[in-house]
Amino acid sequence: MSTEITRIEIIIETEEDIMVMDNFTTTIAVASIVTSGITISIGVIGPAVSEGRAVATALSSLAQQPDASGTITRTLFVGLAMIESLSIYCFVVSMILIFANPFWNLAIT
């Protein structure tokens, strides 16, 4: 009879461990989703503003010096590609946080 009571206690302890594990995993999942949302929102604001300023400056310089249009547009496109890479990096970081989270191994063990 004492072995049955011990088995019941072990099963209850295991279920509590599973509940704690589920809560910890859920916490990591929620934190990852919130962090990826913040990463995307902040990471897109800077490049969007700087792309707008770059295009506005390029248009005003094209209006002032139409002869240098080839050089200005080439420089503009290279600059826009560099600026856009920042938002792509933020997108990659947010996808890593959602799908390949490095903290899942901590939650599993």
C-alpha atoms as a PDB file:
ATOM      1  CA  MET A   1       0.000   0.000   0.000  1.00  0.00           C
ATOM      2  CA  SER A   2       2.806   2.395   0.694  1.00  0.00           C
ATOM      3  CA  THR A   3       4.207   1.809  -2.802  1.00  0.00           C
ATOM      4  CA  GLU A   4       0.901   2.885  -4.362  1.00  0.00           C
ATOM      5  CA  ILE A   5       0.917   6.099  -2.364  1.00  0.00           C
ATOM      6  CA  THR A   6       4.473   6.742  -3.472  1.00  0.00           C
ATOM      7  CA  ARG A   7       3.508   6.182  -7.099  1.00  0.00           C
ATOM      8  CA  ILE A   8       0.629   8.638  -6.803  1.00  0.00           C
ATOM      9  CA  GLU A   9       2.944  11.252  -5.300  1.00  0.00           C
ATOM     10  CA  ILE A  10       5.452  10.762  -8.123  1.00  0.00           C
ATOM     11  CA  ILE A  11       2.736  11.130 -10.758  1.00  0.00           C
ATOM     12  CA  ILE A  12       1.458  14.343  -9.156  1.00  0.00           C
ATOM     13  CA  GLU A  13       4.964  15.768  -8.987  1.00  0.00           C
ATOM     14  CA  THR A  14       5.506  14.920 -12.638  1.00  0.00           C
ATOM     15  CA  GLU A  15       2.249  16.622 -13.693  1.00  0.00           C
ATOM     16  CA  GLU A  16       3.221  19.736 -11.731  1.00  0.00           C
ATOM     17  CA  ASP A  17       6.599  19.718 -13.464  1.00  0.00           C
ATOM     18  CA  ILE A  18       4.838  19.484 -16.820  1.00  0.00           C
ATOM     19  CA  MET A  19       2.574  22.420 -15.893  1.00  0.00           C
ATOM     20  CA  VAL A  20       5.586  24.498 -14.851  1.00  0.00           C
ATOM     21  CA  MET A  21       7.334  23.516 -18.089  1.00  0.00           C
ATOM     22  CA  ASP A  22       4.284  24.547 -20.146  1.00  0.00           C
ATOM     23  CA  ASN A  23       4.110  27.912 -18.373  1.00  0.00           C
ATOM     24  CA  PHE A  24       7.819  28.540 -18.982  1.00  0.00           C
ATOM     25  CA  THR A  25       7.540  27.531 -22.643  1.00  0.00           C
ATOM     26  CA  THR A  26       4.504  29.762 -23.080  1.00  0.00           C
ATOM     27  CA  THR A  27       6.346  32.654 -21.456  1.00  0.00           C
ATOM     28  CA  ILE A  28       9.285  32.234 -23.827  1.00  0.00           C
ATOM     29  CA  ALA A  29       6.932  32.035 -26.824  1.00  0.00           C
ATOM     30  CA  VAL A  30       5.069  35.200 -25.827  1.00  0.00           C
ATOM     31  CA  ALA A  31       8.303  37.060 -25.114  1.00  0.00           C
ATOM     32  CA  SER A  32       9.688  36.001 -28.500  1.00  0.00           C
ATOM     33  CA  ILE A  33       6.608  37.188 -30.373  1.00  0.00           C
ATOM     34  CA  VAL A  34       6.520  40.525 -28.546  1.00  0.00           C
ATOM     35  CA  THR A  35      10.251  41.052 -29.067  1.00  0.00           C
ATOM     36  CA  SER A  36       9.987  40.261 -32.765  1.00  0.00           C
ATOM     37  CA  GLY A  37       7.121  42.741 -33.106  1.00  0.00           C
ATOM     38  CA  ILE A  38       9.142  45.444 -31.393  1.00  0.00           C
ATOM     39  CA  THR A  39      12.165  44.582 -33.554  1.00  0.00           C
ATOM     40  CA  ILE A  40      10.179  44.947 -36.757  1.00  0.00           C
ATOM     41  CA  SER A  41       8.387  48.140 -35.700  1.00  0.00           C
ATOM     42  CA  ILE A  42      11.492  49.972 -34.503  1.00  0.00           C
ATOM     43  CA  GLY A  43      13.688  48.503 -37.219  1.00  0.00           C
ATOM     44  CA  VAL A  44      11.450  49.757 -40.009  1.00  0.00           C
ATOM     45  CA  ILE A  45      10.941  53.294 -38.717  1.00  0.00           C
ATOM     46  CA  GLY A  46      14.568  54.354 -39.173  1.00  0.00           C
ATOM     47  CA  PRO A  47      15.033  53.044 -42.721  1.00  0.00           C
ATOM     48  CA  ALA A  48      11.648  54.418 -43.825  1.00  0.00           C
ATOM     49  CA  VAL A  49      12.453  57.913 -42.608  1.00  0.00           C
ATOM     50  CA  SER A  50      15.965  57.840 -44.041  1.00  0.00           C
ATOM     51  CA  GLU A  51      14.750  56.532 -47.420  1.00  0.00           C
ATOM     52  CA  GLY A  52      12.235  59.369 -47.601  1.00  0.00           C
ATOM     53  CA  ARG A  53      14.897  61.927 -46.800  1.00  0.00           C
ATOM     54  CA  ALA A  54      17.304  60.391 -49.337  1.00  0.00           C
ATOM     55  CA  VAL A  55      14.731  60.497 -52.130  1.00  0.00           C
ATOM     56  CA  ALA A  56      13.722  64.064 -51.244  1.00  0.00           C
ATOM     57  CA  THR A  57      17.335  65.184 -51.268  1.00  0.00           C
ATOM     58  CA  ALA A  58      17.991  63.397 -54.559  1.00  0.00           C
ATOM     59  CA  LEU A  59      14.962  65.014 -56.174  1.00  0.00           C
ATOM     60  CA  SER A  60      15.991  68.472 -55.034  1.00  0.00           C
ATOM     61  CA  SER A  61      19.544  67.941 -56.287  1.00  0.00           C
ATOM     62  CA  LEU A  62      18.190  66.641 -59.609  1.00  0.00           C
ATOM     63  CA  ALA A  63      16.107  69.792 -59.910  1.00  0.00           C
ATOM     64  CA  GLN A  64      19.159  71.948 -59.247  1.00  0.00           C
ATOM     65  CA  GLN A  65      21.629  69.992 -61.433  1.00  0.00           C
ATOM     66  CA  PRO A  66      19.882  68.021 -64.189  1.00  0.00           C
ATOM     67  CA  ASP A  67      23.195  67.334 -65.943  1.00  0.00           C
ATOM     68  CA  ALA A  68      24.389  65.149 -63.051  1.00  0.00           C
ATOM     69  CA  SER A  69      21.280  62.954 -63.081  1.00  0.00           C
ATOM     70  CA  GLY A  70      23.176  59.733 -63.872  1.00  0.00           C
ATOM     71  CA  THR A  71      25.560  60.118 -60.960  1.00  0.00           C
ATOM     72  CA  ILE A  72      22.845  61.219 -58.554  1.00  0.00           C
ATOM     73  CA  THR A  73      20.474  58.365 -59.390  1.00  0.00           C
ATOM     74  CA  ARG A  74      23.258  55.768 -59.239  1.00  0.00           C
ATOM     75  CA  THR A  75      24.356  57.045 -55.844  1.00  0.00           C
ATOM     76  CA  LEU A  76      20.721  57.187 -54.723  1.00  0.00           C
ATOM     77  CA  PHE A  77      20.061  53.551 -55.606  1.00  0.00           C
ATOM     78  CA  VAL A  78      23.218  52.349 -53.861  1.00  0.00           C
ATOM     79  CA  GLY A  79      22.271  54.370 -50.788  1.00  0.00           C
ATOM     80  CA  LEU A  80      18.715  53.050 -50.824  1.00  0.00           C
ATOM     81  CA  ALA A  81      20.010  49.479 -51.027  1.00  0.00           C
ATOM     82  CA  MET A  82      22.249  50.085 -48.007  1.00  0.00           C
ATOM     83  CA  ILE A  83      19.392  51.654 -46.056  1.00  0.00           C
ATOM     84  CA  GLU A  84      16.988  48.849 -46.978  1.00  0.00           C
ATOM     85  CA  SER A  85      19.464  46.242 -45.735  1.00  0.00           C
ATOM     86  CA  LEU A  86      18.911  47.522 -42.188  1.00  0.00           C
ATOM     87  CA  SER A  87      15.224  46.687 -42.288  1.00  0.00           C
ATOM     88  CA  ILE A  88      16.023  43.303 -43.835  1.00  0.00           C
ATOM     89  CA  TYR A  89      18.361  42.571 -40.925  1.00  0.00           C
ATOM     90  CA  CYS A  90      15.582  43.430 -38.471  1.00  0.00           C
ATOM     91  CA  PHE A  91      13.237  41.130 -40.370  1.00  0.00           C
ATOM     92  CA  VAL A  92      15.770  38.290 -40.187  1.00  0.00           C
ATOM     93  CA  VAL A  93      16.236  38.792 -36.444  1.00  0.00           C
ATOM     94  CA  SER A  94      12.484  38.704 -35.864  1.00  0.00           C
ATOM     95  CA  MET A  95      12.117  35.524 -37.932  1.00  0.00           C
ATOM     96  CA  ILE A  96      14.909  33.912 -35.909  1.00  0.00           C
ATOM     97  CA  LEU A  97      13.117  34.869 -32.693  1.00  0.00           C
ATOM     98  CA  ILE A  98       9.869  33.347 -33.889  1.00  0.00           C
ATOM     99  CA  PHE A  99      10.947  30.195 -35.736  1.00  0.00           C
ATOM    100  CA  ALA A 100      14.505  29.335 -34.632  1.00  0.00           C
ATOM    101  CA  ASN A 101      14.496  30.734 -31.128  1.00  0.00           C
ATOM    102  CA  PRO A 102      17.779  30.082 -29.314  1.00  0.00           C
ATOM    103  CA  PHE A 103      15.944  30.065 -25.971  1.00  0.00           C
ATOM    104  CA  TRP A 104      13.851  26.974 -26.777  1.00  0.00           C
ATOM    105  CA  ASN A 105      16.712  24.720 -25.699  1.00  0.00           C
ATOM    106  CA  LEU A 106      16.627  26.437 -22.309  1.00  0.00           C
ATOM    107  CA  ALA A 107      12.884  25.832 -22.076  1.00  0.00           C
ATOM    108  CA  ILE A 108      13.149  22.183 -23.043  1.00  0.00           C
ATOM    109  CA  THR A 109      15.903  21.294 -20.561  1.00  0.00           C
END
